[in-house]
Amino acid sequence: MDKKVIHLIDDDPSMLTSICYFLESEGLDCRCYSSAQDFLKNFKEETPGCIVLDVKMPEVNGIELFDELLKREIRLPVIFFSGHGDLPMAVNVLRKGAFHFLEKPLRPEIFLAAVQEAVKEDERRRAGILSKAQLQKQYEKLTEREKQVLTLIEKGLTNKIIAERKGLSERTIENYRANLYKKLNVRNMDELKTVLKVIEKKKQQVL
């Protein structure tokens, strides 16, 4: 079984030390980074686990780093923690796909539970991710109608609107959506968008 690693990013050395000590005392492997730049330079995505990220850091803050992770399609679950966070900030990063948002001071039992669940989520994601070749093969098996519906789903249209555009019943579109999710091995829109990005890159490489 692959070793699980908790990637901890914080510019406060004492915070890094205390959190790392706590996680290792619970049997978890922890790697510490003093800045966003340090993390991006040394991070290897193939290592399973999760990312624990402070919001307030100099030069590149946690929110900016998270945006960069999304841009690079780094899929590890991200847990934010902050002593300066507020509800709008938390809602914003959670909508973008962050796994959890915790406020300082961290409560050990809540923090540990969040980290353990994030690691489990990464395991679930990795178990479901198909290779680029597999994704392309699955996409090519779709019918023209399925590809048309998929394009409309990608645009964020509701089942009702898609049904009206294609002259089909809403129930039929619901079935199309369920079948497309199953064929492409995804569970939600975020995973579907990731899969479609991979497929599009594969197409561009062929062209």
C-alpha atoms as a PDB file:
ATOM      1  CA  MET A   1       0.000   0.000   0.000  1.00  0.00           C
ATOM      2  CA  ASP A   2       1.292   3.462  -0.907  1.00  0.00           C
ATOM      3  CA  LYS A   3       2.415   5.587   1.993  1.00  0.00           C
ATOM      4  CA  LYS A   4       0.043   8.462   2.748  1.00  0.00           C
ATOM      5  CA  VAL A   5       1.656  11.882   3.118  1.00  0.00           C
ATOM      6  CA  ILE A   6       0.180  15.017   4.664  1.00  0.00           C
ATOM      7  CA  HIS A   7       1.650  18.077   2.948  1.00  0.00           C
ATOM      8  CA  LEU A   8       1.652  20.955   5.436  1.00  0.00           C
ATOM      9  CA  ILE A   9       2.227  24.527   4.201  1.00  0.00           C
ATOM     10  CA  ASP A  10       2.649  27.419   6.646  1.00  0.00           C
ATOM     11  CA  ASP A  11       5.149  30.264   6.989  1.00  0.00           C
ATOM     12  CA  ASP A  12       5.086  29.967  10.800  1.00  0.00           C
ATOM     13  CA  PRO A  13       7.912  27.564  11.848  1.00  0.00           C
ATOM     14  CA  SER A  14       6.415  26.919  15.286  1.00  0.00           C
ATOM     15  CA  MET A  15       3.040  26.049  13.751  1.00  0.00           C
ATOM     16  CA  LEU A  16       4.695  23.711  11.264  1.00  0.00           C
ATOM     17  CA  THR A  17       6.573  21.958  14.025  1.00  0.00           C
ATOM     18  CA  SER A  18       3.595  21.556  16.357  1.00  0.00           C
ATOM     19  CA  ILE A  19       1.170  20.330  13.696  1.00  0.00           C
ATOM     20  CA  CYS A  20       3.737  17.965  12.196  1.00  0.00           C
ATOM     21  CA  TYR A  21       4.535  16.539  15.623  1.00  0.00           C
ATOM     22  CA  PHE A  22       0.824  16.022  16.301  1.00  0.00           C
ATOM     23  CA  LEU A  23       0.185  14.271  12.982  1.00  0.00           C
ATOM     24  CA  GLU A  24       3.231  12.031  13.316  1.00  0.00           C
ATOM     25  CA  SER A  25       2.167  11.111  16.868  1.00  0.00           C
ATOM     26  CA  GLU A  26      -1.046   9.830  15.243  1.00  0.00           C
ATOM     27  CA  GLY A  27       0.937   7.661  12.833  1.00  0.00           C
ATOM     28  CA  LEU A  28       0.769   9.973   9.820  1.00  0.00           C
ATOM     29  CA  ASP A  29       3.713  10.979   7.638  1.00  0.00           C
ATOM     30  CA  CYS A  30       4.023  14.763   7.381  1.00  0.00           C
ATOM     31  CA  ARG A  31       6.076  16.901   4.987  1.00  0.00           C
ATOM     32  CA  CYS A  32       6.501  20.579   5.816  1.00  0.00           C
ATOM     33  CA  TYR A  33       6.858  23.551   3.480  1.00  0.00           C
ATOM     34  CA  SER A  34       7.524  27.118   4.603  1.00  0.00           C
ATOM     35  CA  SER A  35       5.963  28.770   1.537  1.00  0.00           C
ATOM     36  CA  ALA A  36       3.847  28.172  -1.533  1.00  0.00           C
ATOM     37  CA  GLN A  37       6.960  28.346  -3.693  1.00  0.00           C
ATOM     38  CA  ASP A  38       8.712  25.734  -1.567  1.00  0.00           C
ATOM     39  CA  PHE A  39       5.726  23.409  -1.930  1.00  0.00           C
ATOM     40  CA  LEU A  40       5.396  23.782  -5.709  1.00  0.00           C
ATOM     41  CA  LYS A  41       9.133  23.192  -6.148  1.00  0.00           C
ATOM     42  CA  ASN A  42       9.251  19.956  -4.144  1.00  0.00           C
ATOM     43  CA  PHE A  43       5.767  18.458  -4.436  1.00  0.00           C
ATOM     44  CA  LYS A  44       5.249  15.147  -6.250  1.00  0.00           C
ATOM     45  CA  GLU A  45       1.601  14.548  -7.109  1.00  0.00           C
ATOM     46  CA  GLU A  46       1.874  10.773  -7.306  1.00  0.00           C
ATOM     47  CA  THR A  47       2.212  10.642  -3.517  1.00  0.00           C
ATOM     48  CA  PRO A  48      -1.256   9.954  -2.039  1.00  0.00           C
ATOM     49  CA  GLY A  49      -2.534  11.916   0.961  1.00  0.00           C
ATOM     50  CA  CYS A  50      -3.786  15.487   1.316  1.00  0.00           C
ATOM     51  CA  ILE A  51      -2.687  19.118   1.591  1.00  0.00           C
ATOM     52  CA  VAL A  52      -3.086  21.242   4.730  1.00  0.00           C
ATOM     53  CA  LEU A  53      -2.751  24.888   3.830  1.00  0.00           C
ATOM     54  CA  ASP A  54      -2.608  28.157   5.782  1.00  0.00           C
ATOM     55  CA  VAL A  55      -4.484  31.071   4.247  1.00  0.00           C
ATOM     56  CA  LYS A  56      -2.290  33.976   5.325  1.00  0.00           C
ATOM     57  CA  MET A  57       1.247  33.681   3.920  1.00  0.00           C
ATOM     58  CA  PRO A  58       3.607  36.273   2.376  1.00  0.00           C
ATOM     59  CA  GLU A  59       4.174  36.638  -1.377  1.00  0.00           C
ATOM     60  CA  VAL A  60       1.798  33.827  -2.438  1.00  0.00           C
ATOM     61  CA  ASN A  61      -1.043  33.316   0.028  1.00  0.00           C
ATOM     62  CA  GLY A  62      -3.076  30.163   0.518  1.00  0.00           C
ATOM     63  CA  ILE A  63      -5.946  31.215  -1.729  1.00  0.00           C
ATOM     64  CA  GLU A  64      -3.553  32.044  -4.564  1.00  0.00           C
ATOM     65  CA  LEU A  65      -1.760  28.736  -4.113  1.00  0.00           C
ATOM     66  CA  PHE A  66      -5.087  26.903  -4.215  1.00  0.00           C
ATOM     67  CA  ASP A  67      -5.935  28.627  -7.492  1.00  0.00           C
ATOM     68  CA  GLU A  68      -2.579  27.452  -8.851  1.00  0.00           C
ATOM     69  CA  LEU A  69      -3.323  23.886  -7.719  1.00  0.00           C
ATOM     70  CA  LEU A  70      -6.615  24.016  -9.598  1.00  0.00           C
ATOM     71  CA  LYS A  71      -4.852  25.406 -12.665  1.00  0.00           C
ATOM     72  CA  ARG A  72      -2.334  22.554 -12.568  1.00  0.00           C
ATOM     73  CA  GLU A  73      -5.153  20.041 -11.959  1.00  0.00           C
ATOM     74  CA  ILE A  74      -3.554  18.791  -8.738  1.00  0.00           C
ATOM     75  CA  ARG A  75      -6.303  16.646  -7.265  1.00  0.00           C
ATOM     76  CA  LEU A  76      -5.167  16.096  -3.678  1.00  0.00           C
ATOM     77  CA  PRO A  77      -7.858  17.151  -1.175  1.00  0.00           C
ATOM     78  CA  VAL A  78      -7.034  20.542   0.370  1.00  0.00           C
ATOM     79  CA  ILE A  79      -7.780  21.524   3.969  1.00  0.00           C
ATOM     80  CA  PHE A  80      -7.518  25.244   4.718  1.00  0.00           C
ATOM     81  CA  PHE A  81      -6.882  26.637   8.167  1.00  0.00           C
ATOM     82  CA  SER A  82      -6.811  30.276   9.167  1.00  0.00           C
ATOM     83  CA  GLY A  83      -6.981  32.626  12.117  1.00  0.00           C
ATOM     84  CA  HIS A  84      -8.129  35.346   9.762  1.00  0.00           C
ATOM     85  CA  GLY A  85     -10.765  33.504   7.811  1.00  0.00           C
ATOM     86  CA  ASP A  86     -14.382  34.534   7.541  1.00  0.00           C
ATOM     87  CA  LEU A  87     -17.522  32.926   6.183  1.00  0.00           C
ATOM     88  CA  PRO A  88     -17.335  34.386   2.638  1.00  0.00           C
ATOM     89  CA  MET A  89     -13.721  33.197   2.320  1.00  0.00           C
ATOM     90  CA  ALA A  90     -14.637  29.706   3.490  1.00  0.00           C
ATOM     91  CA  VAL A  91     -17.636  29.517   1.159  1.00  0.00           C
ATOM     92  CA  ASN A  92     -15.496  30.695  -1.765  1.00  0.00           C
ATOM     93  CA  VAL A  93     -12.782  28.044  -1.425  1.00  0.00           C
ATOM     94  CA  LEU A  94     -15.280  25.283  -0.656  1.00  0.00           C
ATOM     95  CA  ARG A  95     -17.200  26.148  -3.813  1.00  0.00           C
ATOM     96  CA  LYS A  96     -13.955  25.919  -5.764  1.00  0.00           C
ATOM     97  CA  GLY A  97     -13.446  22.409  -4.455  1.00  0.00           C
ATOM     98  CA  ALA A  98     -11.509  22.678  -1.174  1.00  0.00           C
ATOM     99  CA  PHE A  99     -12.152  19.697   1.083  1.00  0.00           C
ATOM    100  CA  HIS A 100     -12.463  21.564   4.396  1.00  0.00           C
ATOM    101  CA  PHE A 101     -11.944  24.961   6.037  1.00  0.00           C
ATOM    102  CA  LEU A 102     -10.904  25.107   9.703  1.00  0.00           C
ATOM    103  CA  GLU A 103     -10.365  28.105  11.953  1.00  0.00           C
ATOM    104  CA  LYS A 104      -7.450  28.568  14.348  1.00  0.00           C
ATOM    105  CA  PRO A 105      -6.865  27.608  17.023  1.00  0.00           C
ATOM    106  CA  LEU A 106      -7.199  24.100  15.642  1.00  0.00           C
ATOM    107  CA  ARG A 107      -9.092  21.638  17.795  1.00  0.00           C
ATOM    108  CA  PRO A 108      -6.993  18.443  17.677  1.00  0.00           C
ATOM    109  CA  GLU A 109      -9.842  15.951  17.397  1.00  0.00           C
ATOM    110  CA  ILE A 110     -11.627  17.918  14.664  1.00  0.00           C
ATOM    111  CA  PHE A 111      -8.399  18.561  12.768  1.00  0.00           C
ATOM    112  CA  LEU A 112      -7.339  14.909  12.898  1.00  0.00           C
ATOM    113  CA  ALA A 113     -10.778  13.740  11.744  1.00  0.00           C
ATOM    114  CA  ALA A 114     -10.649  16.171   8.804  1.00  0.00           C
ATOM    115  CA  VAL A 115      -7.176  14.966   7.768  1.00  0.00           C
ATOM    116  CA  GLN A 116      -8.129  11.300   8.021  1.00  0.00           C
ATOM    117  CA  GLU A 117     -11.276  11.846   5.954  1.00  0.00           C
ATOM    118  CA  ALA A 118      -9.310  13.835   3.361  1.00  0.00           C
ATOM    119  CA  VAL A 119      -6.866  10.940   2.991  1.00  0.00           C
ATOM    120  CA  LYS A 120      -9.788   8.538   2.526  1.00  0.00           C
ATOM    121  CA  GLU A 121     -11.268  10.864  -0.084  1.00  0.00           C
ATOM    122  CA  ASP A 122      -7.964  10.835  -1.974  1.00  0.00           C
ATOM    123  CA  GLU A 123      -8.002   7.040  -1.918  1.00  0.00           C
ATOM    124  CA  ARG A 124     -11.524   7.046  -3.358  1.00  0.00           C
ATOM    125  CA  ARG A 125     -10.549   9.511  -6.073  1.00  0.00           C
ATOM    126  CA  ARG A 126      -7.461   7.553  -7.059  1.00  0.00           C
ATOM    127  CA  ALA A 127      -9.436   4.321  -7.218  1.00  0.00           C
ATOM    128  CA  GLY A 128     -11.845   5.926  -9.678  1.00  0.00           C
ATOM    129  CA  ILE A 129      -9.498   7.859 -11.946  1.00  0.00           C
ATOM    130  CA  LEU A 130      -9.031   6.338 -15.372  1.00  0.00           C
ATOM    131  CA  SER A 131      -5.880   6.814 -17.406  1.00  0.00           C
ATOM    132  CA  LYS A 132      -5.879   9.324 -20.272  1.00  0.00           C
ATOM    133  CA  ALA A 133      -5.970   6.495 -22.793  1.00  0.00           C
ATOM    134  CA  GLN A 134      -8.897   4.852 -21.006  1.00  0.00           C
ATOM    135  CA  LEU A 135     -10.804   8.137 -20.838  1.00  0.00           C
ATOM    136  CA  GLN A 136     -10.306   8.748 -24.555  1.00  0.00           C
ATOM    137  CA  LYS A 137     -11.400   5.201 -25.343  1.00  0.00           C
ATOM    138  CA  GLN A 138     -14.544   5.604 -23.225  1.00  0.00           C
ATOM    139  CA  TYR A 139     -15.328   8.945 -24.875  1.00  0.00           C
ATOM    140  CA  GLU A 140     -14.986   7.487 -28.354  1.00  0.00           C
ATOM    141  CA  LYS A 141     -17.541   4.804 -27.430  1.00  0.00           C
ATOM    142  CA  LEU A 142     -20.197   7.449 -26.749  1.00  0.00           C
ATOM    143  CA  THR A 143     -22.942   7.904 -29.328  1.00  0.00           C
ATOM    144  CA  GLU A 144     -23.275  11.225 -31.160  1.00  0.00           C
ATOM    145  CA  ARG A 145     -26.390  12.020 -29.098  1.00  0.00           C
ATOM    146  CA  GLU A 146     -24.507  11.282 -25.872  1.00  0.00           C
ATOM    147  CA  LYS A 147     -21.680  13.582 -26.963  1.00  0.00           C
ATOM    148  CA  GLN A 148     -24.191  16.332 -27.755  1.00  0.00           C
ATOM    149  CA  VAL A 149     -25.815  15.993 -24.338  1.00  0.00           C
ATOM    150  CA  LEU A 150     -22.386  15.875 -22.712  1.00  0.00           C
ATOM    151  CA  THR A 151     -21.454  19.181 -24.354  1.00  0.00           C
ATOM    152  CA  LEU A 152     -24.595  20.811 -22.941  1.00  0.00           C
ATOM    153  CA  ILE A 153     -23.978  19.337 -19.488  1.00  0.00           C
ATOM    154  CA  GLU A 154     -20.442  20.729 -19.595  1.00  0.00           C
ATOM    155  CA  LYS A 155     -21.904  24.204 -20.187  1.00  0.00           C
ATOM    156  CA  GLY A 156     -23.778  23.875 -16.885  1.00  0.00           C
ATOM    157  CA  LEU A 157     -27.267  23.629 -18.389  1.00  0.00           C
ATOM    158  CA  THR A 158     -29.988  21.964 -16.326  1.00  0.00           C
ATOM    159  CA  ASN A 159     -31.682  18.751 -17.392  1.00  0.00           C
ATOM    160  CA  LYS A 160     -34.852  20.719 -18.124  1.00  0.00           C
ATOM    161  CA  ILE A 161     -33.134  23.165 -20.471  1.00  0.00           C
ATOM    162  CA  ILE A 162     -31.207  20.382 -22.231  1.00  0.00           C
ATOM    163  CA  ALA A 163     -34.467  18.466 -22.689  1.00  0.00           C
ATOM    164  CA  GLU A 164     -36.106  21.517 -24.271  1.00  0.00           C
ATOM    165  CA  ARG A 165     -33.171  22.061 -26.636  1.00  0.00           C
ATOM    166  CA  LYS A 166     -33.018  18.437 -27.743  1.00  0.00           C
ATOM    167  CA  GLY A 167     -36.779  17.881 -27.871  1.00  0.00           C
ATOM    168  CA  LEU A 168     -36.620  15.113 -25.284  1.00  0.00           C
ATOM    169  CA  SER A 169     -38.196  14.524 -21.886  1.00  0.00           C
ATOM    170  CA  GLU A 170     -36.422  15.652 -18.732  1.00  0.00           C
ATOM    171  CA  ARG A 171     -36.388  12.045 -17.505  1.00  0.00           C
ATOM    172  CA  THR A 172     -34.574  10.989 -20.683  1.00  0.00           C
ATOM    173  CA  ILE A 173     -31.881  13.608 -20.063  1.00  0.00           C
ATOM    174  CA  GLU A 174     -31.572  12.433 -16.459  1.00  0.00           C
ATOM    175  CA  ASN A 175     -30.905   8.941 -17.797  1.00  0.00           C
ATOM    176  CA  TYR A 176     -28.364  10.302 -20.294  1.00  0.00           C
ATOM    177  CA  ARG A 177     -26.564  12.150 -17.488  1.00  0.00           C
ATOM    178  CA  ALA A 178     -26.496   9.066 -15.250  1.00  0.00           C
ATOM    179  CA  ASN A 179     -25.195   6.880 -18.095  1.00  0.00           C
ATOM    180  CA  LEU A 180     -22.524   9.423 -19.048  1.00  0.00           C
ATOM    181  CA  TYR A 181     -21.306   9.644 -15.452  1.00  0.00           C
ATOM    182  CA  LYS A 182     -21.145   5.853 -15.323  1.00  0.00           C
ATOM    183  CA  LYS A 183     -19.342   5.460 -18.661  1.00  0.00           C
ATOM    184  CA  LEU A 184     -16.763   8.138 -17.806  1.00  0.00           C
ATOM    185  CA  ASN A 185     -16.460   6.897 -14.211  1.00  0.00           C
ATOM    186  CA  VAL A 186     -17.258  10.212 -12.507  1.00  0.00           C
ATOM    187  CA  ARG A 187     -19.577  11.125  -9.641  1.00  0.00           C
ATOM    188  CA  ASN A 188     -20.203  14.851 -10.043  1.00  0.00           C
ATOM    189  CA  MET A 189     -19.695  17.898 -12.250  1.00  0.00           C
ATOM    190  CA  ASP A 190     -16.238  18.702 -10.850  1.00  0.00           C
ATOM    191  CA  GLU A 191     -14.931  15.245 -11.756  1.00  0.00           C
ATOM    192  CA  LEU A 192     -16.666  15.437 -15.144  1.00  0.00           C
ATOM    193  CA  LYS A 193     -14.972  18.763 -15.933  1.00  0.00           C
ATOM    194  CA  THR A 194     -11.597  17.264 -14.986  1.00  0.00           C
ATOM    195  CA  VAL A 195     -12.207  14.284 -17.271  1.00  0.00           C
ATOM    196  CA  LEU A 196     -13.252  16.534 -20.165  1.00  0.00           C
ATOM    197  CA  LYS A 197     -10.098  18.625 -19.765  1.00  0.00           C
ATOM    198  CA  VAL A 198      -8.009  15.453 -20.018  1.00  0.00           C
ATOM    199  CA  ILE A 199      -9.914  14.345 -23.118  1.00  0.00           C
ATOM    200  CA  GLU A 200      -9.550  17.769 -24.749  1.00  0.00           C
ATOM    201  CA  LYS A 201      -5.784  17.799 -24.098  1.00  0.00           C
ATOM    202  CA  LYS A 202      -5.549  14.320 -25.610  1.00  0.00           C
ATOM    203  CA  LYS A 203      -7.381  15.525 -28.726  1.00  0.00           C
ATOM    204  CA  GLN A 204      -5.027  18.497 -29.097  1.00  0.00           C
ATOM    205  CA  GLN A 205      -2.005  16.205 -28.836  1.00  0.00           C
ATOM    206  CA  VAL A 206      -3.375  14.047 -31.640  1.00  0.00           C
ATOM    207  CA  LEU A 207      -4.011  17.095 -33.829  1.00  0.00           C
END
